[in-house]
């Protein structure tokens, strides 16, 4: 019988366990893989190791977790702010940090000149402790195309939720992991109107809203890119043409 994730949170790492799971990650070690666990790992402010893999292995070892071959997402947000949501065949876990927000104004000419805050590249340092990380798992068996489409569905739900909560489209370092059970009931499609896609959208909304409220309880998130430690407002213009 297909099952949802089991979770363990320890020493700045949230581990999501489910045996023989297929994963697709947009993170630093991204792509498709098959493994029994994935990890959301908190790193300190100013984190900029020479070798990411070695640093991640050290953090997992320190937390007492097997390294495995599963995906790892990185964030400056403490894992005590991680929140989960479940609906039908889908479970979502998320963490929200908005120190490096991103916006996409439809009319860049109407944006004030100071809406672009300094990025890590401009200041010579690494990005700040932001990032919105999402882990989305389903008990259904998906095709690779279905998993890739689910990433798009989740990203859309993330953007809609963050626009409602904080007025940002996301951050400059967001990442998504989607997962399915190869032994579960097959589901070919994952669009917004399908059982998997609809449940994923709802779970993303609930998990991100709960994490946002936890992370910013008693403190205010930045009100604009200019107010943030780091961030990006995409004000450049592209050339439009007929194909």
Foldseek 3Di string as FASTA:
>chain_A
DFDAWDWDDFQQKIKTFDAFKWKAKPAPLGGIDTGGIEMEGADAWLDDDPDVVVVVCVSCVVRVHDPIDHYYHYFNDGCVLWFWDDDDFKIKIKAFFPLAFEAEDPALVPDDPLQAAAACVRVVTHGGGGEMEMEMEGAAAEDPVQQVVLVVLLLVLLQVLCCVVANTSGGPRYMYMYMYHNPGHHDYHQDCPDPNSVRSSVGSNVRHVSSVCVRQVVHDHANGCSRHPHYGYPSDDDDDDDD
